[in-house]
N, C-alpha and C. Protein backbone atom coordinates (compact mmCIF):
# COMPACT_ATOMS: atom_id res chain seq x y z
N MET A 1 173.88 76.30 99.58
CA MET A 1 173.83 77.23 98.46
C MET A 1 173.41 78.32 98.75
N ASP A 2 174.85 79.35 97.90
CA ASP A 2 174.82 80.45 97.87
C ASP A 2 173.62 81.60 97.94
N THR A 3 172.50 81.32 97.10
CA THR A 3 171.65 81.75 96.44
C THR A 3 170.36 81.13 97.29
N CYS A 4 170.30 80.78 97.42
CA CYS A 4 169.32 80.11 98.09
C CYS A 4 168.60 80.85 99.77
N LEU A 5 167.42 81.47 99.27
CA LEU A 5 166.83 82.34 100.47
C LEU A 5 166.96 81.68 101.99
N PHE A 6 166.44 80.07 101.82
CA PHE A 6 166.52 79.76 103.23
C PHE A 6 167.94 79.57 103.90
N CYS A 7 168.62 79.01 103.22
CA CYS A 7 170.03 78.39 103.26
C CYS A 7 171.09 80.42 103.96
N ARG A 8 170.29 80.81 103.34
CA ARG A 8 171.30 82.47 103.61
C ARG A 8 170.45 83.08 105.26
N ILE A 9 168.91 82.52 105.37
CA ILE A 9 168.21 82.83 106.75
C ILE A 9 169.22 81.79 107.53
N ALA A 10 169.16 80.87 107.08
CA ALA A 10 169.89 79.73 108.50
C ALA A 10 170.86 80.01 108.22
N LYS A 11 171.89 80.74 107.54
CA LYS A 11 173.44 81.24 107.97
C LYS A 11 173.80 82.54 108.48
N LYS A 12 172.00 83.05 108.86
CA LYS A 12 171.97 84.65 109.13
C LYS A 12 172.83 85.79 108.30
N GLU A 13 172.64 85.64 107.66
CA GLU A 13 172.68 86.28 105.98
C GLU A 13 171.52 87.46 106.12
N ILE A 14 170.43 86.67 106.15
CA ILE A 14 169.17 87.41 106.06
C ILE A 14 168.38 87.33 107.60
N PRO A 15 168.18 87.98 108.00
CA PRO A 15 167.48 88.34 109.22
C PRO A 15 166.03 87.57 109.24
N ALA A 16 165.99 87.24 110.11
CA ALA A 16 164.29 86.19 110.44
C ALA A 16 164.05 86.11 111.99
N LYS A 17 162.28 86.29 112.22
CA LYS A 17 161.96 86.20 113.79
C LYS A 17 162.40 84.39 113.63
N ILE A 18 163.40 83.88 114.63
CA ILE A 18 163.60 82.73 114.91
C ILE A 18 163.18 82.25 116.01
N VAL A 19 162.61 81.39 116.20
CA VAL A 19 161.27 80.98 117.70
C VAL A 19 162.37 79.51 117.78
N TYR A 20 163.07 78.43 116.98
CA TYR A 20 163.69 77.28 117.56
C TYR A 20 165.11 77.27 116.56
N GLU A 21 166.31 76.61 117.17
CA GLU A 21 167.30 76.74 116.44
C GLU A 21 167.81 75.43 117.53
N ASP A 22 168.87 74.60 116.11
CA ASP A 22 169.64 73.38 116.69
C ASP A 22 170.02 73.03 115.58
N GLU A 23 171.38 72.01 115.68
CA GLU A 23 172.35 71.76 114.82
C GLU A 23 171.66 71.34 113.46
N LYS A 24 170.25 71.34 113.23
CA LYS A 24 170.03 70.50 112.51
C LYS A 24 168.99 71.04 111.58
N PHE A 25 168.28 71.89 112.20
CA PHE A 25 166.70 72.57 112.09
C PHE A 25 167.01 74.20 112.28
N LEU A 26 166.16 75.02 111.49
CA LEU A 26 165.71 76.19 112.24
C LEU A 26 164.24 76.67 111.73
N VAL A 27 163.46 77.17 112.74
CA VAL A 27 162.09 77.41 112.88
C VAL A 27 162.26 78.73 112.90
N PHE A 28 161.38 79.40 111.85
CA PHE A 28 161.36 81.09 112.04
C PHE A 28 159.71 81.05 111.59
N GLU A 29 159.01 82.99 111.56
CA GLU A 29 157.77 82.93 111.80
C GLU A 29 158.00 82.97 110.10
N ASP A 30 156.37 83.17 109.62
CA ASP A 30 156.45 82.96 108.10
C ASP A 30 156.58 84.43 107.64
N ILE A 31 156.89 85.55 106.84
CA ILE A 31 156.73 86.62 106.29
C ILE A 31 155.09 87.04 106.22
N ARG A 32 154.12 86.08 105.83
CA ARG A 32 153.65 86.53 105.22
C ARG A 32 152.61 85.79 105.37
N PRO A 33 152.40 85.16 107.42
CA PRO A 33 151.52 84.47 107.90
C PRO A 33 149.64 84.02 107.39
N GLN A 34 149.89 83.36 107.31
CA GLN A 34 147.97 82.55 106.93
C GLN A 34 147.23 82.37 108.04
N ALA A 35 147.83 82.56 109.22
CA ALA A 35 146.84 81.47 110.35
C ALA A 35 147.82 82.80 111.87
N PRO A 36 147.31 82.58 112.85
CA PRO A 36 147.83 83.13 113.62
C PRO A 36 149.35 82.92 114.06
N VAL A 37 149.37 81.52 114.03
CA VAL A 37 150.76 80.96 114.04
C VAL A 37 151.29 80.01 113.04
N HIS A 38 152.07 80.63 112.04
CA HIS A 38 152.85 80.41 110.86
C HIS A 38 153.96 80.42 110.68
N LEU A 39 154.74 79.20 110.75
CA LEU A 39 155.70 79.01 111.13
C LEU A 39 156.66 78.25 110.25
N LEU A 40 157.70 78.36 109.65
CA LEU A 40 158.81 77.49 108.62
C LEU A 40 159.07 76.50 109.34
N LEU A 41 159.93 75.68 109.45
CA LEU A 41 160.56 74.64 109.41
C LEU A 41 161.45 73.56 108.51
N ILE A 42 162.60 74.36 108.55
CA ILE A 42 163.54 73.80 107.30
C ILE A 42 164.55 72.95 108.32
N PRO A 43 165.11 72.46 107.48
CA PRO A 43 166.41 71.68 108.10
C PRO A 43 167.33 72.51 107.35
N LYS A 44 168.87 72.79 107.82
CA LYS A 44 169.94 73.35 107.61
C LYS A 44 170.40 72.55 106.44
N THR A 45 170.72 71.65 105.97
CA THR A 45 170.45 71.04 104.99
C THR A 45 169.97 71.10 103.93
N HIS A 46 170.90 71.48 102.50
CA HIS A 46 169.71 71.98 101.65
C HIS A 46 169.50 70.75 100.68
N PHE A 47 168.08 70.69 100.31
CA PHE A 47 167.74 69.70 99.30
C PHE A 47 166.23 70.60 98.81
N ALA A 48 166.16 70.79 97.52
CA ALA A 48 165.51 71.47 96.88
C ALA A 48 163.72 71.23 97.41
N SER A 49 163.40 70.15 97.34
CA SER A 49 161.94 69.72 97.81
C SER A 49 162.21 68.15 98.41
N LEU A 50 161.25 67.23 98.51
CA LEU A 50 160.74 66.54 99.17
C LEU A 50 160.97 65.40 97.77
N ASN A 51 161.37 65.88 96.47
CA ASN A 51 161.23 65.23 95.75
C ASN A 51 163.13 65.06 95.08
N ASP A 52 163.94 65.78 95.71
CA ASP A 52 165.20 66.04 96.03
C ASP A 52 165.75 65.42 97.25
N ALA A 53 164.92 64.78 97.80
CA ALA A 53 165.59 64.63 99.46
C ALA A 53 166.08 63.25 99.54
N PRO A 54 167.42 63.14 99.88
CA PRO A 54 168.25 62.01 99.07
C PRO A 54 167.93 60.60 100.61
N GLU A 55 168.45 59.44 99.22
CA GLU A 55 168.15 58.33 100.52
C GLU A 55 168.68 58.56 101.56
N GLY A 56 168.47 58.36 103.17
CA GLY A 56 168.70 58.51 104.17
C GLY A 56 168.36 59.62 104.96
N ALA A 57 167.63 60.37 103.75
CA ALA A 57 167.10 62.08 104.71
C ALA A 57 165.94 61.62 106.16
N GLU A 58 165.19 59.78 106.02
CA GLU A 58 164.09 59.90 106.22
C GLU A 58 163.97 59.98 107.97
N GLY A 59 165.29 60.20 108.38
CA GLY A 59 165.40 60.48 110.09
C GLY A 59 165.04 61.78 109.91
N LEU A 60 166.04 62.67 109.23
CA LEU A 60 166.14 64.51 109.15
C LEU A 60 164.99 64.42 109.20
N LEU A 61 163.89 64.04 108.31
CA LEU A 61 162.31 64.32 107.74
C LEU A 61 161.41 63.90 108.86
N GLY A 62 161.49 63.14 109.41
CA GLY A 62 161.09 61.98 110.92
C GLY A 62 161.31 63.07 111.83
N GLU A 63 162.40 63.50 112.02
CA GLU A 63 162.76 64.22 113.37
C GLU A 63 161.91 66.16 113.35
N ILE A 64 162.22 66.83 111.79
CA ILE A 64 161.42 67.44 111.73
C ILE A 64 159.74 67.89 111.87
N LEU A 65 158.92 66.45 111.60
CA LEU A 65 157.78 66.20 112.25
C LEU A 65 157.72 66.51 114.06
N PHE A 66 158.60 65.88 114.24
CA PHE A 66 158.49 65.90 115.98
C PHE A 66 158.73 66.83 116.71
N ARG A 67 159.53 67.76 116.14
CA ARG A 67 159.96 68.94 116.05
C ARG A 67 158.86 69.89 116.32
N ALA A 68 158.07 69.37 114.79
CA ALA A 68 156.86 70.62 114.87
C ALA A 68 155.94 70.72 115.78
N ARG A 69 155.62 69.17 116.20
CA ARG A 69 154.57 68.52 117.41
C ARG A 69 154.88 69.49 118.70
N GLU A 70 156.36 69.60 119.08
CA GLU A 70 157.00 69.53 120.03
C GLU A 70 156.84 71.71 120.02
N ILE A 71 156.75 71.68 119.27
CA ILE A 71 156.80 73.83 119.06
C ILE A 71 155.32 74.15 119.36
N ALA A 72 154.41 72.96 118.30
CA ALA A 72 152.97 73.29 118.45
C ALA A 72 152.15 73.54 119.72
N TRP A 73 152.91 72.80 120.39
CA TRP A 73 152.37 72.71 122.33
C TRP A 73 152.74 73.98 123.00
N GLU A 74 154.14 74.33 122.35
CA GLU A 74 154.90 75.81 123.12
C GLU A 74 154.01 76.48 122.85
N LYS A 75 153.57 76.63 121.63
CA LYS A 75 153.03 77.90 121.01
C LYS A 75 151.46 77.85 121.57
N GLY A 76 151.10 76.61 121.73
CA GLY A 76 149.74 76.83 122.71
C GLY A 76 148.51 76.32 121.61
N ILE A 77 148.88 75.62 120.42
CA ILE A 77 147.94 74.71 119.66
C ILE A 77 147.77 73.61 119.46
N GLY A 78 148.85 73.07 120.94
CA GLY A 78 148.63 71.45 120.43
C GLY A 78 147.47 70.50 120.65
N THR A 79 146.41 71.26 121.69
CA THR A 79 145.12 70.95 122.11
C THR A 79 144.02 71.72 120.69
N THR A 80 144.35 72.72 120.42
CA THR A 80 143.60 73.04 119.36
C THR A 80 143.35 72.49 117.89
N GLY A 81 144.39 72.00 117.99
CA GLY A 81 144.99 71.48 116.64
C GLY A 81 145.47 72.17 115.59
N TYR A 82 146.29 71.78 114.48
CA TYR A 82 147.64 72.67 113.97
C TYR A 82 147.89 71.78 112.72
N ARG A 83 147.77 72.37 111.46
CA ARG A 83 148.33 72.03 109.97
C ARG A 83 149.80 72.02 109.80
N ILE A 84 150.05 70.79 109.01
CA ILE A 84 151.31 71.11 108.73
C ILE A 84 151.64 70.68 107.12
N VAL A 85 152.14 71.84 106.42
CA VAL A 85 152.11 71.61 104.83
C VAL A 85 153.45 71.61 104.47
N LEU A 86 153.31 70.68 103.56
CA LEU A 86 154.89 70.83 102.86
C LEU A 86 154.47 70.85 101.32
N ASN A 87 154.83 71.41 100.60
CA ASN A 87 154.42 71.96 99.02
C ASN A 87 155.53 71.45 98.12
N THR A 88 155.67 70.48 96.88
CA THR A 88 156.48 70.13 96.28
C THR A 88 156.12 70.33 95.21
N ALA A 89 157.43 71.25 94.48
CA ALA A 89 157.57 71.59 93.17
C ALA A 89 156.34 72.75 93.04
N ARG A 90 156.16 73.82 91.78
CA ARG A 90 155.74 74.57 91.51
C ARG A 90 154.37 74.97 91.74
N ASP A 91 153.51 73.98 90.93
CA ASP A 91 152.15 73.69 91.06
C ASP A 91 151.58 73.50 92.49
N SER A 92 152.15 72.79 93.23
CA SER A 92 151.83 72.85 94.80
C SER A 92 151.55 74.04 95.34
N GLY A 93 152.45 75.03 95.09
CA GLY A 93 152.46 76.26 95.34
C GLY A 93 153.70 77.00 95.96
N GLN A 94 154.93 75.63 96.16
CA GLN A 94 156.03 76.11 96.61
C GLN A 94 156.51 77.44 95.71
N GLU A 95 157.23 77.84 96.53
CA GLU A 95 157.76 79.11 95.95
C GLU A 95 159.45 79.60 96.42
N VAL A 96 159.87 78.94 97.61
CA VAL A 96 161.04 78.51 97.95
C VAL A 96 161.96 77.49 97.63
N PHE A 97 162.66 76.70 96.79
CA PHE A 97 162.91 75.91 96.38
C PHE A 97 164.01 75.22 97.74
N HIS A 98 163.90 75.23 98.80
CA HIS A 98 164.59 74.85 100.15
C HIS A 98 163.34 73.86 100.49
N ILE A 99 163.15 72.72 101.18
CA ILE A 99 162.01 71.72 101.74
C ILE A 99 162.00 72.76 103.09
N HIS A 100 160.95 72.61 102.88
CA HIS A 100 160.37 73.46 104.25
C HIS A 100 158.57 72.99 104.40
N PHE A 101 158.80 73.16 105.84
CA PHE A 101 157.13 72.46 106.25
C PHE A 101 156.73 73.87 106.67
N HIS A 102 155.10 74.16 106.83
CA HIS A 102 154.95 74.82 107.17
C HIS A 102 154.37 74.75 108.06
N LEU A 103 154.48 75.53 109.92
CA LEU A 103 153.46 74.84 110.83
C LEU A 103 152.40 76.12 111.03
N LEU A 104 151.22 75.49 110.94
CA LEU A 104 149.65 76.19 110.70
C LEU A 104 148.77 76.16 111.82
N GLY A 105 148.30 77.07 112.75
CA GLY A 105 147.15 76.73 113.80
C GLY A 105 147.12 78.34 114.25
N GLY A 106 146.35 78.42 115.35
CA GLY A 106 145.43 79.39 116.08
C GLY A 106 144.42 79.65 115.95
N ARG A 107 143.82 79.00 114.71
CA ARG A 107 142.25 79.28 113.85
C ARG A 107 142.14 78.04 113.54
N ARG A 108 140.95 78.02 112.88
CA ARG A 108 139.99 76.90 111.94
C ARG A 108 140.58 76.59 110.70
N MET A 109 140.86 75.56 110.41
CA MET A 109 141.37 75.21 108.99
C MET A 109 139.96 74.83 108.34
N LYS A 110 140.24 75.19 106.85
CA LYS A 110 138.89 74.81 105.86
C LYS A 110 139.42 73.49 105.20
N TRP A 111 138.60 72.93 104.50
CA TRP A 111 139.10 71.94 104.12
C TRP A 111 137.78 71.50 102.46
N PRO A 112 138.59 71.47 101.46
CA PRO A 112 139.95 71.16 101.24
C PRO A 112 140.56 72.24 101.07
N PRO A 113 141.79 72.09 101.65
CA PRO A 113 142.87 73.31 101.90
C PRO A 113 143.10 74.23 100.30
N GLY A 114 143.19 73.67 98.99
CA GLY A 114 143.64 74.63 97.75
C GLY A 114 142.30 74.64 97.73
């Protein structure tokens, strides 16, 4: 998608602090971090939200969660704890309409989150 911010980041048209990349995923630092570790994990395949995920995307979405776990350990928050957030649609707080997971850690999280 030509106008999607995260697609443009994945294509390297817009700079980002990338911490991981492979053929399926890109992980980069959030520009407005809400925790000492705040990374965004995106599939390079565009779909706007979980509501728009096509049948057959289960494997891709599962893989991204396992990648989040690996990166949490690499960032030193695997033992202390981390949160993975997936916002879907405007009322959830989704601002960029390319499915993405927030990996947050490095501080004590509060509950409830909203």
